[in-house]
Amino acid sequence: MLKRYEGGAFYVFESWLADVADEFEFTKRIALCIGKRMQQESLTNAVFFGHQRVLDGYIG
């Protein structure tokens, strides 16, 4: 599996690690988008249905 040696680190391992980091970043962005969407829907429901405690939490 290790094909090339560059600058004190195995190139294949470095590229694998970069791929894992990219996938983690992508997953993190998806999770943040879902979280923001759920927060927006929660706030919208609070406005529509008048849940004062939820609104107080957002307003501070």
PDB file of N, CA and C in Angstrom:
ATOM      1  N   MET A   1       0.821  -1.193   0.000  1.00  0.00           N
ATOM      2  CA  MET A   1       0.000   0.000   0.000  1.00  0.00           C
ATOM      3  C   MET A   1       0.865   1.258   0.000  1.00  0.00           C
ATOM      4  N   LEU A   2       1.972   1.233   0.705  1.00  0.00           N
ATOM      5  CA  LEU A   2       2.842   2.401   0.734  1.00  0.00           C
ATOM      6  C   LEU A   2       3.699   2.411  -0.520  1.00  0.00           C
ATOM      7  N   LYS A   3       3.479   3.377  -1.367  1.00  0.00           N
ATOM      8  CA  LYS A   3       4.130   3.386  -2.666  1.00  0.00           C
ATOM      9  C   LYS A   3       5.305   4.348  -2.740  1.00  0.00           C
ATOM     10  N   ARG A   4       5.238   5.435  -2.021  1.00  0.00           N
ATOM     11  CA  ARG A   4       6.228   6.473  -2.216  1.00  0.00           C
ATOM     12  C   ARG A   4       6.583   7.091  -0.865  1.00  0.00           C
ATOM     13  N   TYR A   5       7.801   7.503  -0.723  1.00  0.00           N
ATOM     14  CA  TYR A   5       8.268   8.118   0.518  1.00  0.00           C
ATOM     15  C   TYR A   5       8.657   9.559   0.210  1.00  0.00           C
ATOM     16  N   GLU A   6       8.022  10.527   0.894  1.00  0.00           N
ATOM     17  CA  GLU A   6       8.295  11.939   0.612  1.00  0.00           C
ATOM     18  C   GLU A   6       8.458  12.704   1.911  1.00  0.00           C
ATOM     19  N   GLY A   7       9.533  13.414   2.037  1.00  0.00           N
ATOM     20  CA  GLY A   7       9.727  14.362   3.126  1.00  0.00           C
ATOM     21  C   GLY A   7       9.509  13.813   4.521  1.00  0.00           C
ATOM     22  N   GLY A   8       9.868  12.594   4.779  1.00  0.00           N
ATOM     23  CA  GLY A   8       9.755  12.062   6.127  1.00  0.00           C
ATOM     24  C   GLY A   8       8.400  11.480   6.463  1.00  0.00           C
ATOM     25  N   ALA A   9       7.443  11.508   5.559  1.00  0.00           N
ATOM     26  CA  ALA A   9       6.124  10.931   5.835  1.00  0.00           C
ATOM     27  C   ALA A   9       5.688  10.104   4.632  1.00  0.00           C
ATOM     28  N   PHE A  10       4.927   9.083   4.877  1.00  0.00           N
ATOM     29  CA  PHE A  10       4.451   8.250   3.773  1.00  0.00           C
ATOM     30  C   PHE A  10       3.344   8.979   3.027  1.00  0.00           C
ATOM     31  N   TYR A  11       3.529   9.119   1.724  1.00  0.00           N
ATOM     32  CA  TYR A  11       2.605   9.878   0.881  1.00  0.00           C
ATOM     33  C   TYR A  11       1.195   9.283   0.888  1.00  0.00           C
ATOM     34  N   VAL A  12       1.096   7.963   0.793  1.00  0.00           N
ATOM     35  CA  VAL A  12      -0.224   7.327   0.755  1.00  0.00           C
ATOM     36  C   VAL A  12      -0.980   7.602   2.046  1.00  0.00           C
ATOM     37  N   PHE A  13      -0.292   7.509   3.183  1.00  0.00           N
ATOM     38  CA  PHE A  13      -0.942   7.787   4.461  1.00  0.00           C
ATOM     39  C   PHE A  13      -1.392   9.238   4.526  1.00  0.00           C
ATOM     40  N   GLU A  14      -0.545  10.152   4.053  1.00  0.00           N
ATOM     41  CA  GLU A  14      -0.913  11.569   4.069  1.00  0.00           C
ATOM     42  C   GLU A  14      -2.144  11.830   3.215  1.00  0.00           C
ATOM     43  N   SER A  15      -2.201  11.237   2.031  1.00  0.00           N
ATOM     44  CA  SER A  15      -3.359  11.469   1.167  1.00  0.00           C
ATOM     45  C   SER A  15      -4.613  10.841   1.773  1.00  0.00           C
ATOM     46  N   TRP A  16      -4.476   9.668   2.418  1.00  0.00           N
ATOM     47  CA  TRP A  16      -5.621   9.050   3.092  1.00  0.00           C
ATOM     48  C   TRP A  16      -6.113   9.945   4.219  1.00  0.00           C
ATOM     49  N   LEU A  17      -5.172  10.492   4.984  1.00  0.00           N
ATOM     50  CA  LEU A  17      -5.537  11.371   6.091  1.00  0.00           C
ATOM     51  C   LEU A  17      -6.230  12.633   5.581  1.00  0.00           C
ATOM     52  N   ALA A  18      -5.763  13.171   4.465  1.00  0.00           N
ATOM     53  CA  ALA A  18      -6.405  14.347   3.868  1.00  0.00           C
ATOM     54  C   ALA A  18      -7.825  14.010   3.425  1.00  0.00           C
ATOM     55  N   ASP A  19      -8.028  12.819   2.852  1.00  0.00           N
ATOM     56  CA  ASP A  19      -9.372  12.400   2.445  1.00  0.00           C
ATOM     57  C   ASP A  19     -10.302  12.289   3.647  1.00  0.00           C
ATOM     58  N   VAL A  20      -9.806  11.720   4.731  1.00  0.00           N
ATOM     59  CA  VAL A  20     -10.614  11.591   5.951  1.00  0.00           C
ATOM     60  C   VAL A  20     -10.972  12.975   6.491  1.00  0.00           C
ATOM     61  N   ALA A  21     -10.018  13.889   6.484  1.00  0.00           N
ATOM     62  CA  ALA A  21     -10.273  15.250   6.964  1.00  0.00           C
ATOM     63  C   ALA A  21     -11.310  15.942   6.087  1.00  0.00           C
ATOM     64  N   ASP A  22     -11.233  15.752   4.771  1.00  0.00           N
ATOM     65  CA  ASP A  22     -12.216  16.348   3.859  1.00  0.00           C
ATOM     66  C   ASP A  22     -13.610  15.784   4.114  1.00  0.00           C
ATOM     67  N   GLU A  23     -13.693  14.468   4.311  1.00  0.00           N
ATOM     68  CA  GLU A  23     -14.991  13.849   4.589  1.00  0.00           C
ATOM     69  C   GLU A  23     -15.556  14.336   5.917  1.00  0.00           C
ATOM     70  N   PHE A  24     -14.701  14.509   6.919  1.00  0.00           N
ATOM     71  CA  PHE A  24     -15.158  15.016   8.209  1.00  0.00           C
ATOM     72  C   PHE A  24     -15.677  16.442   8.058  1.00  0.00           C
ATOM     73  N   GLU A  25     -14.967  17.277   7.305  1.00  0.00           N
ATOM     74  CA  GLU A  25     -15.396  18.662   7.085  1.00  0.00           C
ATOM     75  C   GLU A  25     -16.748  18.691   6.376  1.00  0.00           C
ATOM     76  N   PHE A  26     -16.929  17.838   5.376  1.00  0.00           N
ATOM     77  CA  PHE A  26     -18.195  17.758   4.653  1.00  0.00           C
ATOM     78  C   PHE A  26     -19.323  17.346   5.597  1.00  0.00           C
ATOM     79  N   THR A  27     -19.076  16.317   6.411  1.00  0.00           N
ATOM     80  CA  THR A  27     -20.077  15.843   7.368  1.00  0.00           C
ATOM     81  C   THR A  27     -20.420  16.925   8.378  1.00  0.00           C
ATOM     82  N   LYS A  28     -19.409  17.650   8.835  1.00  0.00           N
ATOM     83  CA  LYS A  28     -19.635  18.725   9.795  1.00  0.00           C
ATOM     84  C   LYS A  28     -20.510  19.826   9.184  1.00  0.00           C
ATOM     85  N   ARG A  29     -20.253  20.166   7.933  1.00  0.00           N
ATOM     86  CA  ARG A  29     -21.058  21.200   7.264  1.00  0.00           C
ATOM     87  C   ARG A  29     -22.507  20.763   7.104  1.00  0.00           C
ATOM     88  N   ILE A  30     -22.714  19.490   6.754  1.00  0.00           N
ATOM     89  CA  ILE A  30     -24.082  18.969   6.630  1.00  0.00           C
ATOM     90  C   ILE A  30     -24.793  19.042   7.979  1.00  0.00           C
ATOM     91  N   ALA A  31     -24.107  18.628   9.042  1.00  0.00           N
ATOM     92  CA  ALA A  31     -24.702  18.654  10.385  1.00  0.00           C
ATOM     93  C   ALA A  31     -25.043  20.079  10.801  1.00  0.00           C
ATOM     94  N   LEU A  32     -24.177  21.038  10.492  1.00  0.00           N
ATOM     95  CA  LEU A  32     -24.455  22.432  10.833  1.00  0.00           C
ATOM     96  C   LEU A  32     -25.658  22.957  10.061  1.00  0.00           C
ATOM     97  N   CYS A  33     -25.770  22.589   8.787  1.00  0.00           N
ATOM     98  CA  CYS A  33     -26.927  23.012   7.990  1.00  0.00           C
ATOM     99  C   CYS A  33     -28.218  22.445   8.556  1.00  0.00           C
ATOM    100  N   ILE A  34     -28.183  21.163   8.928  1.00  0.00           N
ATOM    101  CA  ILE A  34     -29.369  20.534   9.513  1.00  0.00           C
ATOM    102  C   ILE A  34     -29.715  21.205  10.834  1.00  0.00           C
ATOM    103  N   GLY A  35     -28.706  21.478  11.658  1.00  0.00           N
ATOM    104  CA  GLY A  35     -28.941  22.136  12.944  1.00  0.00           C
ATOM    105  C   GLY A  35     -29.534  23.520  12.783  1.00  0.00           C
ATOM    106  N   LYS A  36     -29.015  24.284  11.836  1.00  0.00           N
ATOM    107  CA  LYS A  36     -29.551  25.628  11.590  1.00  0.00           C
ATOM    108  C   LYS A  36     -30.989  25.554  11.106  1.00  0.00           C
ATOM    109  N   ARG A  37     -31.259  24.594  10.222  1.00  0.00           N
ATOM    110  CA  ARG A  37     -32.612  24.430   9.694  1.00  0.00           C
ATOM    111  C   ARG A  37     -33.589  24.074  10.816  1.00  0.00           C
ATOM    112  N   MET A  38     -33.180  23.169  11.697  1.00  0.00           N
ATOM    113  CA  MET A  38     -34.044  22.782  12.815  1.00  0.00           C
ATOM    114  C   MET A  38     -34.265  23.964  13.747  1.00  0.00           C
ATOM    115  N   GLN A  39     -33.233  24.772  13.963  1.00  0.00           N
ATOM    116  CA  GLN A  39     -33.366  25.942  14.826  1.00  0.00           C
ATOM    117  C   GLN A  39     -34.334  26.945  14.202  1.00  0.00           C
ATOM    118  N   GLN A  40     -34.246  27.146  12.893  1.00  0.00           N
ATOM    119  CA  GLN A  40     -35.154  28.065  12.212  1.00  0.00           C
ATOM    120  C   GLN A  40     -36.592  27.577  12.307  1.00  0.00           C
ATOM    121  N   GLU A  41     -36.788  26.275  12.107  1.00  0.00           N
ATOM    122  CA  GLU A  41     -38.140  25.724  12.195  1.00  0.00           C
ATOM    123  C   GLU A  41     -38.683  25.838  13.608  1.00  0.00           C
ATOM    124  N   SER A  42     -37.829  25.628  14.597  1.00  0.00           N
ATOM    125  CA  SER A  42     -38.256  25.745  15.988  1.00  0.00           C
ATOM    126  C   SER A  42     -38.686  27.173  16.293  1.00  0.00           C
ATOM    127  N   LEU A  43     -37.919  28.137  15.817  1.00  0.00           N
ATOM    128  CA  LEU A  43     -38.259  29.544  16.041  1.00  0.00           C
ATOM    129  C   LEU A  43     -39.538  29.909  15.300  1.00  0.00           C
ATOM    130  N   THR A  44     -39.701  29.418  14.081  1.00  0.00           N
ATOM    131  CA  THR A  44     -40.912  29.687  13.305  1.00  0.00           C
ATOM    132  C   THR A  44     -42.134  29.123  14.011  1.00  0.00           C
ATOM    133  N   ASN A  45     -42.037  27.902  14.515  1.00  0.00           N
ATOM    134  CA  ASN A  45     -43.153  27.308  15.255  1.00  0.00           C
ATOM    135  C   ASN A  45     -43.471  28.115  16.502  1.00  0.00           C
ATOM    136  N   ALA A  46     -42.444  28.611  17.168  1.00  0.00           N
ATOM    137  CA  ALA A  46     -42.671  29.412  18.368  1.00  0.00           C
ATOM    138  C   ALA A  46     -43.414  30.693  18.023  1.00  0.00           C
ATOM    139  N   VAL A  47     -43.063  31.307  16.907  1.00  0.00           N
ATOM    140  CA  VAL A  47     -43.746  32.536  16.488  1.00  0.00           C
ATOM    141  C   VAL A  47     -45.192  32.232  16.116  1.00  0.00           C
ATOM    142  N   PHE A  48     -45.405  31.185  15.323  1.00  0.00           N
ATOM    143  CA  PHE A  48     -46.755  30.842  14.880  1.00  0.00           C
ATOM    144  C   PHE A  48     -47.663  30.431  16.031  1.00  0.00           C
ATOM    145  N   PHE A  49     -47.117  29.657  16.961  1.00  0.00           N
ATOM    146  CA  PHE A  49     -47.956  29.091  18.011  1.00  0.00           C
ATOM    147  C   PHE A  49     -47.812  29.796  19.348  1.00  0.00           C
ATOM    148  N   GLY A  50     -46.967  30.825  19.411  1.00  0.00           N
ATOM    149  CA  GLY A  50     -46.875  31.667  20.593  1.00  0.00           C
ATOM    150  C   GLY A  50     -46.256  31.021  21.811  1.00  0.00           C
ATOM    151  N   HIS A  51     -45.242  30.183  21.641  1.00  0.00           N
ATOM    152  CA  HIS A  51     -44.562  29.586  22.785  1.00  0.00           C
ATOM    153  C   HIS A  51     -43.608  30.619  23.375  1.00  0.00           C
ATOM    154  N   GLN A  52     -44.046  31.298  24.404  1.00  0.00           N
ATOM    155  CA  GLN A  52     -43.301  32.430  24.954  1.00  0.00           C
ATOM    156  C   GLN A  52     -41.938  32.024  25.509  1.00  0.00           C
ATOM    157  N   ARG A  53     -41.844  30.872  26.170  1.00  0.00           N
ATOM    158  CA  ARG A  53     -40.551  30.453  26.739  1.00  0.00           C
ATOM    159  C   ARG A  53     -39.508  30.250  25.647  1.00  0.00           C
ATOM    160  N   VAL A  54     -39.916  29.695  24.514  1.00  0.00           N
ATOM    161  CA  VAL A  54     -38.978  29.488  23.406  1.00  0.00           C
ATOM    162  C   VAL A  54     -38.532  30.827  22.853  1.00  0.00           C
ATOM    163  N   LEU A  55     -39.469  31.741  22.687  1.00  0.00           N
ATOM    164  CA  LEU A  55     -39.122  33.069  22.175  1.00  0.00           C
ATOM    165  C   LEU A  55     -38.198  33.801  23.133  1.00  0.00           C
ATOM    166  N   ASP A  56     -38.449  33.693  24.422  1.00  0.00           N
ATOM    167  CA  ASP A  56     -37.578  34.338  25.412  1.00  0.00           C
ATOM    168  C   ASP A  56     -36.157  33.801  25.317  1.00  0.00           C
ATOM    169  N   GLY A  57     -36.017  32.513  25.044  1.00  0.00           N
ATOM    170  CA  GLY A  57     -34.692  31.920  24.901  1.00  0.00           C
ATOM    171  C   GLY A  57     -33.940  32.480  23.711  1.00  0.00           C
ATOM    172  N   TYR A  58     -34.624  32.760  22.619  1.00  0.00           N
ATOM    173  CA  TYR A  58     -33.967  33.308  21.435  1.00  0.00           C
ATOM    174  C   TYR A  58     -33.682  34.796  21.587  1.00  0.00           C
ATOM    175  N   ILE A  59     -34.594  35.506  22.215  1.00  0.00           N
ATOM    176  CA  ILE A  59     -34.434  36.960  22.359  1.00  0.00           C
ATOM    177  C   ILE A  59     -33.433  37.281  23.454  1.00  0.00           C
ATOM    178  N   GLY A  60     -33.443  36.502  24.511  1.00  0.00           N
ATOM    179  CA  GLY A  60     -32.468  36.667  25.582  1.00  0.00           C
ATOM    180  C   GLY A  60     -33.021  37.476  26.654  1.00  0.00           C
TER     181      GLY A  60
END
